[in-house]
N, C-alpha and C. Protein backbone atom coordinates (compact mmCIF):
# COMPACT_ATOMS: atom_id res chain seq x y z
N UNK A 1 -25.87 26.31 0.65
CA UNK A 1 -25.59 25.01 0.08
C UNK A 1 -24.47 24.36 0.90
N UNK A 2 -24.65 23.12 1.26
CA UNK A 2 -23.63 22.40 2.01
C UNK A 2 -22.72 21.65 1.05
N UNK A 3 -21.48 21.59 1.43
CA UNK A 3 -20.55 20.85 0.57
C UNK A 3 -20.57 19.38 0.96
N UNK A 4 -20.39 18.55 -0.04
CA UNK A 4 -20.39 17.11 0.20
C UNK A 4 -19.12 16.71 0.93
N UNK A 5 -19.22 15.65 1.71
CA UNK A 5 -18.04 15.14 2.40
C UNK A 5 -17.03 14.67 1.36
N UNK A 6 -15.76 14.82 1.66
CA UNK A 6 -14.75 14.38 0.68
C UNK A 6 -14.82 12.87 0.47
N UNK A 7 -14.59 12.46 -0.76
CA UNK A 7 -14.52 11.03 -1.06
C UNK A 7 -13.13 10.56 -0.63
N UNK A 8 -13.11 9.76 0.44
CA UNK A 8 -11.84 9.32 1.02
C UNK A 8 -11.71 7.81 0.89
N UNK A 9 -10.56 7.39 0.37
CA UNK A 9 -10.28 5.96 0.23
C UNK A 9 -9.11 5.57 1.12
N UNK A 10 -9.16 4.36 1.60
CA UNK A 10 -8.07 3.78 2.38
C UNK A 10 -7.34 2.79 1.48
N UNK A 11 -6.04 2.96 1.36
CA UNK A 11 -5.21 2.10 0.53
C UNK A 11 -4.27 1.33 1.46
N UNK A 12 -4.69 0.14 1.92
CA UNK A 12 -3.94 -0.58 2.95
C UNK A 12 -2.86 -1.49 2.38
N UNK A 13 -1.85 -1.74 3.20
CA UNK A 13 -0.81 -2.68 2.86
C UNK A 13 0.27 -2.69 3.92
N UNK A 14 1.18 -3.64 3.82
CA UNK A 14 2.32 -3.63 4.74
C UNK A 14 3.42 -2.73 4.21
N UNK A 15 3.52 -2.61 2.89
CA UNK A 15 4.51 -1.74 2.25
C UNK A 15 5.92 -2.01 2.77
N UNK A 16 6.28 -3.28 2.84
CA UNK A 16 7.57 -3.68 3.40
C UNK A 16 8.40 -4.45 2.39
N UNK A 17 9.00 -3.76 1.42
CA UNK A 17 9.05 -2.32 1.20
C UNK A 17 8.01 -1.87 0.19
N UNK A 18 7.84 -0.56 0.10
CA UNK A 18 6.98 0.03 -0.93
C UNK A 18 7.66 -0.17 -2.28
N UNK A 19 6.88 -0.58 -3.28
CA UNK A 19 7.42 -0.84 -4.61
C UNK A 19 6.87 0.19 -5.60
N UNK A 20 7.39 0.16 -6.82
CA UNK A 20 6.87 1.05 -7.87
C UNK A 20 5.42 0.71 -8.19
N UNK A 21 5.02 -0.53 -7.99
CA UNK A 21 3.62 -0.91 -8.19
C UNK A 21 2.71 -0.25 -7.17
N UNK A 22 3.13 -0.24 -5.91
CA UNK A 22 2.35 0.45 -4.87
C UNK A 22 2.20 1.93 -5.22
N UNK A 23 3.31 2.55 -5.58
CA UNK A 23 3.31 3.98 -5.87
C UNK A 23 2.39 4.28 -7.05
N UNK A 24 2.42 3.45 -8.07
CA UNK A 24 1.54 3.61 -9.23
C UNK A 24 0.07 3.61 -8.80
N UNK A 25 -0.30 2.67 -7.96
CA UNK A 25 -1.70 2.56 -7.52
C UNK A 25 -2.09 3.78 -6.68
N UNK A 26 -1.22 4.20 -5.75
CA UNK A 26 -1.55 5.35 -4.90
C UNK A 26 -1.69 6.61 -5.76
N UNK A 27 -0.78 6.81 -6.70
CA UNK A 27 -0.85 8.00 -7.56
C UNK A 27 -2.15 8.02 -8.38
N UNK A 28 -2.55 6.87 -8.91
CA UNK A 28 -3.79 6.83 -9.67
C UNK A 28 -5.00 6.97 -8.77
N UNK A 29 -4.93 6.43 -7.57
CA UNK A 29 -6.04 6.57 -6.60
C UNK A 29 -6.24 8.04 -6.24
N UNK A 30 -5.14 8.79 -6.16
CA UNK A 30 -5.24 10.21 -5.82
C UNK A 30 -6.03 10.98 -6.88
N UNK A 31 -6.05 10.48 -8.09
CA UNK A 31 -6.85 11.11 -9.14
C UNK A 31 -8.32 10.72 -9.11
N UNK A 32 -8.64 9.69 -8.37
CA UNK A 32 -10.01 9.18 -8.31
C UNK A 32 -10.77 9.63 -7.06
N UNK A 33 -10.03 9.93 -5.99
CA UNK A 33 -10.64 10.29 -4.72
C UNK A 33 -10.14 11.66 -4.27
N UNK A 34 -10.92 12.32 -3.45
CA UNK A 34 -10.50 13.61 -2.90
C UNK A 34 -9.34 13.43 -1.93
N UNK A 35 -9.39 12.34 -1.19
CA UNK A 35 -8.35 12.04 -0.21
C UNK A 35 -8.03 10.55 -0.26
N UNK A 36 -6.76 10.23 -0.07
CA UNK A 36 -6.31 8.84 0.01
C UNK A 36 -5.46 8.70 1.26
N UNK A 37 -5.85 7.76 2.10
CA UNK A 37 -5.06 7.44 3.28
C UNK A 37 -4.30 6.16 2.97
N UNK A 38 -2.99 6.27 2.90
CA UNK A 38 -2.14 5.09 2.71
C UNK A 38 -1.93 4.52 4.11
N UNK A 39 -2.54 3.37 4.35
CA UNK A 39 -2.52 2.76 5.67
C UNK A 39 -1.44 1.69 5.73
N UNK A 40 -0.40 1.96 6.50
CA UNK A 40 0.67 0.99 6.70
C UNK A 40 0.22 0.09 7.85
N UNK A 41 -0.17 -1.13 7.49
CA UNK A 41 -0.66 -2.08 8.49
C UNK A 41 0.48 -2.95 8.96
N UNK A 42 0.54 -3.16 10.26
CA UNK A 42 1.63 -3.97 10.79
C UNK A 42 1.21 -4.67 12.07
N UNK A 43 1.94 -5.71 12.37
CA UNK A 43 1.75 -6.47 13.59
C UNK A 43 2.99 -6.24 14.44
N UNK A 44 2.86 -5.52 15.56
CA UNK A 44 4.04 -5.24 16.38
C UNK A 44 4.76 -6.49 16.89
N UNK A 45 4.07 -7.63 16.90
CA UNK A 45 4.70 -8.87 17.36
C UNK A 45 5.62 -9.46 16.29
N UNK A 46 5.51 -8.97 15.06
CA UNK A 46 6.34 -9.48 13.97
C UNK A 46 7.31 -8.40 13.52
N UNK A 47 8.53 -8.81 13.27
CA UNK A 47 9.53 -7.86 12.81
C UNK A 47 9.55 -7.86 11.29
N UNK A 48 9.32 -6.72 10.70
CA UNK A 48 9.40 -6.58 9.27
C UNK A 48 10.83 -6.29 8.85
N UNK A 49 11.04 -6.20 7.56
CA UNK A 49 12.35 -5.82 7.05
C UNK A 49 12.67 -4.39 7.44
N UNK A 50 11.67 -3.51 7.33
CA UNK A 50 11.84 -2.11 7.70
C UNK A 50 10.89 -1.77 8.84
N UNK A 51 11.36 -0.90 9.73
CA UNK A 51 10.51 -0.39 10.81
C UNK A 51 9.36 0.40 10.19
N UNK A 52 8.28 0.49 10.89
CA UNK A 52 7.10 1.19 10.40
C UNK A 52 7.44 2.63 10.04
N UNK A 53 8.23 3.30 10.87
CA UNK A 53 8.59 4.68 10.60
C UNK A 53 9.38 4.81 9.30
N UNK A 54 10.24 3.82 9.01
CA UNK A 54 10.99 3.83 7.76
C UNK A 54 10.04 3.66 6.57
N UNK A 55 9.11 2.74 6.69
CA UNK A 55 8.14 2.52 5.61
C UNK A 55 7.37 3.79 5.31
N UNK A 56 6.91 4.46 6.37
CA UNK A 56 6.17 5.71 6.19
C UNK A 56 7.05 6.74 5.47
N UNK A 57 8.30 6.85 5.89
CA UNK A 57 9.22 7.79 5.24
C UNK A 57 9.43 7.49 3.77
N UNK A 58 9.61 6.22 3.43
CA UNK A 58 9.79 5.84 2.03
C UNK A 58 8.55 6.20 1.20
N UNK A 59 7.37 5.93 1.75
CA UNK A 59 6.13 6.22 1.02
C UNK A 59 5.96 7.73 0.86
N UNK A 60 6.16 8.47 1.95
CA UNK A 60 6.00 9.92 1.88
C UNK A 60 6.98 10.55 0.88
N UNK A 61 8.17 9.99 0.77
CA UNK A 61 9.15 10.51 -0.18
C UNK A 61 8.67 10.36 -1.62
N UNK A 62 7.81 9.39 -1.86
CA UNK A 62 7.37 9.10 -3.23
C UNK A 62 5.99 9.65 -3.58
N UNK A 63 5.14 9.85 -2.57
CA UNK A 63 3.79 10.36 -2.88
C UNK A 63 3.43 11.59 -2.05
N UNK A 64 4.39 12.09 -1.28
CA UNK A 64 4.13 13.24 -0.43
C UNK A 64 3.79 14.51 -1.20
N UNK A 65 4.10 14.54 -2.50
CA UNK A 65 3.81 15.69 -3.33
C UNK A 65 2.35 15.71 -3.81
N UNK A 66 1.63 14.65 -3.56
CA UNK A 66 0.25 14.56 -4.05
C UNK A 66 -0.72 15.19 -3.06
N UNK A 67 -1.52 16.15 -3.52
CA UNK A 67 -2.51 16.73 -2.61
C UNK A 67 -3.53 15.68 -2.21
N UNK A 68 -3.92 15.73 -0.93
CA UNK A 68 -4.95 14.83 -0.45
C UNK A 68 -4.46 13.44 -0.07
N UNK A 69 -3.15 13.20 -0.16
CA UNK A 69 -2.62 11.88 0.22
C UNK A 69 -1.88 12.03 1.55
N UNK A 70 -2.22 11.13 2.47
CA UNK A 70 -1.48 11.09 3.73
C UNK A 70 -1.17 9.64 4.07
N UNK A 71 -0.14 9.44 4.88
CA UNK A 71 0.32 8.10 5.24
C UNK A 71 0.22 7.97 6.76
N UNK A 72 -0.41 6.89 7.21
CA UNK A 72 -0.57 6.62 8.64
C UNK A 72 -0.34 5.14 8.90
N UNK A 73 0.05 4.83 10.12
CA UNK A 73 0.27 3.44 10.51
C UNK A 73 -0.84 2.97 11.45
N UNK A 74 -1.19 1.69 11.31
CA UNK A 74 -2.22 1.08 12.15
C UNK A 74 -1.78 -0.34 12.49
N UNK A 75 -2.08 -0.76 13.71
CA UNK A 75 -1.67 -2.09 14.15
C UNK A 75 -2.82 -2.83 14.82
N UNK A 76 -2.83 -4.15 14.61
CA UNK A 76 -3.73 -5.05 15.35
C UNK A 76 -5.19 -4.62 15.36
N UNK A 77 -5.71 -4.29 14.18
CA UNK A 77 -7.09 -3.84 14.09
C UNK A 77 -7.72 -4.38 12.83
N UNK A 78 -9.03 -4.50 12.85
CA UNK A 78 -9.75 -4.84 11.63
C UNK A 78 -9.67 -3.65 10.67
N UNK A 79 -9.52 -3.97 9.42
CA UNK A 79 -9.43 -2.93 8.40
C UNK A 79 -10.67 -2.04 8.40
N UNK A 80 -11.83 -2.62 8.61
CA UNK A 80 -13.06 -1.82 8.62
C UNK A 80 -13.07 -0.83 9.77
N UNK A 81 -12.43 -1.18 10.90
CA UNK A 81 -12.33 -0.24 12.02
C UNK A 81 -11.40 0.93 11.68
N UNK A 82 -10.34 0.64 10.93
CA UNK A 82 -9.45 1.71 10.47
C UNK A 82 -10.23 2.64 9.54
N UNK A 83 -11.03 2.06 8.65
CA UNK A 83 -11.84 2.86 7.73
C UNK A 83 -12.77 3.79 8.48
N UNK A 84 -13.42 3.26 9.52
CA UNK A 84 -14.32 4.08 10.33
C UNK A 84 -13.55 5.21 11.00
N UNK A 85 -12.40 4.89 11.54
CA UNK A 85 -11.60 5.91 12.25
C UNK A 85 -11.19 7.06 11.34
N UNK A 86 -10.80 6.75 10.12
CA UNK A 86 -10.32 7.82 9.22
C UNK A 86 -11.43 8.38 8.33
N UNK A 87 -12.63 7.81 8.43
CA UNK A 87 -13.75 8.30 7.63
C UNK A 87 -13.68 7.91 6.17
N UNK A 88 -13.09 6.76 5.88
CA UNK A 88 -12.99 6.29 4.50
C UNK A 88 -14.31 5.68 4.05
N UNK A 89 -14.70 6.01 2.82
CA UNK A 89 -15.92 5.44 2.26
C UNK A 89 -15.63 4.26 1.35
N UNK A 90 -14.33 4.00 1.10
CA UNK A 90 -13.96 2.89 0.23
C UNK A 90 -12.56 2.39 0.61
N UNK A 91 -12.36 1.10 0.36
CA UNK A 91 -11.04 0.49 0.46
C UNK A 91 -10.56 0.35 -0.98
N UNK A 92 -9.35 0.79 -1.25
CA UNK A 92 -8.82 0.69 -2.60
C UNK A 92 -7.68 -0.32 -2.61
N UNK A 93 -7.79 -1.30 -3.49
CA UNK A 93 -6.78 -2.35 -3.62
C UNK A 93 -6.29 -2.42 -5.05
N UNK A 94 -4.99 -2.43 -5.23
CA UNK A 94 -4.41 -2.65 -6.54
C UNK A 94 -4.32 -4.14 -6.80
N UNK A 95 -4.60 -4.53 -8.03
CA UNK A 95 -4.54 -5.94 -8.41
C UNK A 95 -3.55 -6.12 -9.54
N UNK A 96 -2.65 -7.09 -9.36
CA UNK A 96 -1.70 -7.41 -10.43
C UNK A 96 -2.29 -8.41 -11.41
N UNK A 97 -3.22 -9.22 -10.96
CA UNK A 97 -3.80 -10.24 -11.84
C UNK A 97 -4.85 -11.05 -11.11
N UNK A 98 -5.21 -12.17 -11.74
CA UNK A 98 -6.28 -13.01 -11.22
C UNK A 98 -6.01 -13.60 -9.85
N UNK A 99 -4.76 -13.93 -9.57
CA UNK A 99 -4.43 -14.49 -8.25
C UNK A 99 -4.71 -13.47 -7.15
N UNK A 100 -4.33 -12.20 -7.39
CA UNK A 100 -4.63 -11.15 -6.42
C UNK A 100 -6.14 -11.02 -6.23
N UNK A 101 -6.89 -11.05 -7.33
CA UNK A 101 -8.35 -10.93 -7.25
C UNK A 101 -8.94 -12.06 -6.41
N UNK A 102 -8.49 -13.29 -6.67
CA UNK A 102 -8.99 -14.44 -5.92
C UNK A 102 -8.69 -14.32 -4.44
N UNK A 103 -7.55 -13.74 -4.10
CA UNK A 103 -7.16 -13.55 -2.71
C UNK A 103 -7.96 -12.41 -2.07
N UNK A 104 -8.16 -11.32 -2.80
CA UNK A 104 -8.78 -10.12 -2.25
C UNK A 104 -10.31 -10.17 -2.18
N UNK A 105 -10.94 -10.88 -3.09
CA UNK A 105 -12.40 -10.86 -3.16
C UNK A 105 -13.08 -11.34 -1.87
N UNK A 106 -12.67 -12.46 -1.27
CA UNK A 106 -13.34 -12.85 -0.01
C UNK A 106 -13.19 -11.80 1.09
N UNK A 107 -12.02 -11.14 1.15
CA UNK A 107 -11.84 -10.10 2.16
C UNK A 107 -12.76 -8.91 1.87
N UNK A 108 -12.89 -8.56 0.59
CA UNK A 108 -13.78 -7.46 0.22
C UNK A 108 -15.21 -7.77 0.62
N UNK A 109 -15.62 -9.00 0.38
CA UNK A 109 -16.99 -9.39 0.75
C UNK A 109 -17.19 -9.41 2.26
N UNK A 110 -16.18 -9.84 3.00
CA UNK A 110 -16.28 -9.83 4.46
C UNK A 110 -16.36 -8.40 4.99
N UNK A 111 -15.53 -7.50 4.44
CA UNK A 111 -15.56 -6.11 4.88
C UNK A 111 -16.91 -5.48 4.59
N UNK A 112 -17.49 -5.80 3.43
CA UNK A 112 -18.83 -5.30 3.11
C UNK A 112 -19.87 -5.88 4.06
N UNK A 113 -19.72 -7.14 4.40
CA UNK A 113 -20.64 -7.79 5.34
C UNK A 113 -20.57 -7.12 6.70
N UNK A 114 -19.35 -6.81 7.16
CA UNK A 114 -19.18 -6.24 8.50
C UNK A 114 -19.71 -4.82 8.63
N UNK A 115 -19.48 -4.00 7.61
CA UNK A 115 -19.81 -2.57 7.75
C UNK A 115 -20.47 -1.96 6.53
N UNK A 116 -20.55 -2.68 5.43
CA UNK A 116 -21.11 -2.12 4.22
C UNK A 116 -20.09 -1.36 3.38
N UNK A 117 -18.86 -1.26 3.83
CA UNK A 117 -17.85 -0.53 3.06
C UNK A 117 -17.51 -1.30 1.78
N UNK A 118 -17.37 -0.57 0.71
CA UNK A 118 -17.05 -1.17 -0.58
C UNK A 118 -15.55 -1.19 -0.82
N UNK A 119 -15.11 -2.19 -1.54
CA UNK A 119 -13.72 -2.28 -1.98
C UNK A 119 -13.68 -1.99 -3.47
N UNK A 120 -12.78 -1.10 -3.84
CA UNK A 120 -12.58 -0.75 -5.24
C UNK A 120 -11.28 -1.41 -5.68
N UNK A 121 -11.35 -2.19 -6.75
CA UNK A 121 -10.16 -2.84 -7.29
C UNK A 121 -9.63 -2.02 -8.45
N UNK A 122 -8.36 -1.68 -8.38
CA UNK A 122 -7.72 -0.89 -9.43
C UNK A 122 -6.66 -1.77 -10.09
N UNK A 123 -6.84 -2.07 -11.37
CA UNK A 123 -5.85 -2.92 -12.04
C UNK A 123 -4.48 -2.24 -12.04
N UNK A 124 -3.47 -3.01 -11.70
CA UNK A 124 -2.12 -2.48 -11.73
C UNK A 124 -1.62 -2.35 -13.16
N UNK A 125 -0.58 -1.60 -13.32
CA UNK A 125 0.07 -1.46 -14.62
C UNK A 125 0.59 -2.83 -15.03
N UNK A 126 0.20 -3.35 -16.19
CA UNK A 126 0.66 -4.68 -16.61
C UNK A 126 2.18 -4.82 -16.65
N UNK A 127 2.87 -3.73 -16.89
CA UNK A 127 4.33 -3.78 -16.92
C UNK A 127 4.93 -4.04 -15.54
N UNK A 128 4.10 -3.91 -14.49
CA UNK A 128 4.57 -4.10 -13.12
C UNK A 128 3.96 -5.35 -12.47
N UNK A 129 3.32 -6.19 -13.26
CA UNK A 129 2.60 -7.36 -12.72
C UNK A 129 3.51 -8.31 -11.95
N UNK A 130 4.79 -8.30 -12.23
CA UNK A 130 5.74 -9.21 -11.58
C UNK A 130 6.34 -8.62 -10.30
N UNK A 131 5.97 -7.40 -9.95
CA UNK A 131 6.60 -6.70 -8.83
C UNK A 131 5.78 -6.89 -7.56
N UNK A 132 6.40 -7.47 -6.55
CA UNK A 132 5.80 -7.57 -5.22
C UNK A 132 6.90 -7.35 -4.19
N UNK A 133 6.51 -6.92 -3.01
CA UNK A 133 7.50 -6.70 -1.95
C UNK A 133 8.28 -7.96 -1.64
N UNK A 134 7.59 -9.09 -1.55
CA UNK A 134 8.28 -10.33 -1.20
C UNK A 134 9.27 -10.75 -2.28
N UNK A 135 8.89 -10.61 -3.54
CA UNK A 135 9.83 -10.96 -4.62
C UNK A 135 11.01 -10.01 -4.67
N UNK A 136 10.77 -8.74 -4.45
CA UNK A 136 11.86 -7.76 -4.43
C UNK A 136 12.86 -8.12 -3.34
N UNK A 137 12.36 -8.46 -2.17
CA UNK A 137 13.27 -8.83 -1.06
C UNK A 137 14.06 -10.10 -1.40
N UNK A 138 13.40 -11.07 -2.01
CA UNK A 138 14.08 -12.31 -2.35
C UNK A 138 15.16 -12.08 -3.42
N UNK A 139 14.83 -11.33 -4.44
CA UNK A 139 15.80 -11.04 -5.50
C UNK A 139 17.00 -10.29 -4.91
N UNK A 140 16.74 -9.31 -4.06
CA UNK A 140 17.83 -8.56 -3.44
C UNK A 140 18.68 -9.46 -2.55
N UNK A 141 18.04 -10.36 -1.81
CA UNK A 141 18.76 -11.25 -0.91
C UNK A 141 19.78 -12.11 -1.65
N UNK A 142 19.46 -12.47 -2.89
CA UNK A 142 20.36 -13.32 -3.66
C UNK A 142 21.21 -12.55 -4.66
N UNK A 143 21.26 -11.23 -4.47
CA UNK A 143 22.17 -10.42 -5.26
C UNK A 143 21.64 -9.94 -6.60
N UNK A 144 20.36 -10.13 -6.86
CA UNK A 144 19.78 -9.66 -8.12
C UNK A 144 19.56 -8.16 -8.12
N UNK A 145 19.45 -7.60 -9.29
CA UNK A 145 19.28 -6.16 -9.45
C UNK A 145 17.81 -5.78 -9.31
N UNK A 146 17.50 -4.97 -8.32
CA UNK A 146 16.12 -4.53 -8.09
C UNK A 146 15.91 -3.08 -8.52
N UNK A 147 16.87 -2.54 -9.23
CA UNK A 147 16.74 -1.19 -9.75
C UNK A 147 15.49 -1.10 -10.62
N UNK A 148 14.70 -0.06 -10.39
CA UNK A 148 13.47 0.13 -11.16
C UNK A 148 12.26 -0.56 -10.58
N UNK A 149 12.46 -1.44 -9.60
CA UNK A 149 11.34 -2.11 -8.95
C UNK A 149 10.92 -1.39 -7.68
N UNK A 150 11.87 -0.67 -7.10
CA UNK A 150 11.66 0.17 -5.93
C UNK A 150 12.43 1.47 -6.17
N UNK A 151 12.17 2.47 -5.37
CA UNK A 151 12.92 3.72 -5.51
C UNK A 151 14.38 3.47 -5.14
N UNK A 152 15.25 4.37 -5.55
CA UNK A 152 16.67 4.21 -5.25
C UNK A 152 16.94 4.19 -3.75
N UNK A 153 16.22 5.02 -2.97
CA UNK A 153 16.45 5.03 -1.53
C UNK A 153 16.01 3.72 -0.88
N UNK A 154 14.92 3.13 -1.36
CA UNK A 154 14.49 1.83 -0.84
C UNK A 154 15.50 0.75 -1.25
N UNK A 155 15.92 0.79 -2.51
CA UNK A 155 16.93 -0.19 -2.98
C UNK A 155 18.19 -0.13 -2.12
N UNK A 156 18.71 1.08 -1.92
CA UNK A 156 19.94 1.22 -1.15
C UNK A 156 19.78 0.74 0.28
N UNK A 157 18.65 1.08 0.90
CA UNK A 157 18.39 0.66 2.28
C UNK A 157 18.24 -0.84 2.37
N UNK A 158 17.58 -1.44 1.39
CA UNK A 158 17.40 -2.90 1.39
C UNK A 158 18.73 -3.60 1.21
N UNK A 159 19.55 -3.12 0.29
CA UNK A 159 20.86 -3.74 0.09
C UNK A 159 21.74 -3.58 1.32
N UNK A 160 21.70 -2.43 1.95
CA UNK A 160 22.47 -2.21 3.18
C UNK A 160 22.01 -3.15 4.28
N UNK A 161 20.70 -3.32 4.38
CA UNK A 161 20.12 -4.18 5.40
C UNK A 161 20.54 -5.63 5.21
N UNK A 162 20.79 -5.98 3.95
CA UNK A 162 21.14 -7.36 3.64
C UNK A 162 22.63 -7.57 3.46
N UNK A 163 23.40 -6.68 4.04
CA UNK A 163 24.85 -6.91 4.05
C UNK A 163 25.63 -6.26 2.93
N UNK A 164 25.05 -5.24 2.30
CA UNK A 164 25.78 -4.45 1.32
C UNK A 164 26.05 -5.13 0.00
N UNK A 165 25.25 -6.07 -0.38
CA UNK A 165 25.45 -6.74 -1.69
C UNK A 165 25.38 -5.78 -2.82
């Protein structure tokens, strides 16, 4: 008897920085798939708040204990090509609400058109619907408390990066 290929999902994002919402989605995805590849997507021509290696470290610190989860970086490529490279049978996207769905659906349809790969939408925890990387950075920039929105190590690094507020 041959064993079936593992069900592998790709969970893409910039993760700049990784938030508690991202971690929630990855942890739940790990329960749905045999393997989850957290794909840190970046454009080397653009400078993020955190270097790619830092983002990977932050993510690994929070989900590295999960069997079947690995974190890798990819640059300047179509998402469907990344899926082919890692052998993913699905793209997994967390959704905070209708706006995310409206933004993600055309991309999901394009990815299916290009290669037939399906996108699985996982509703985010409603208690985290207000959490996004961009909002976390903005709140931190103006001195607001981001405790509980990101891990303590991400919070400390972000505050240090922004002048120790």
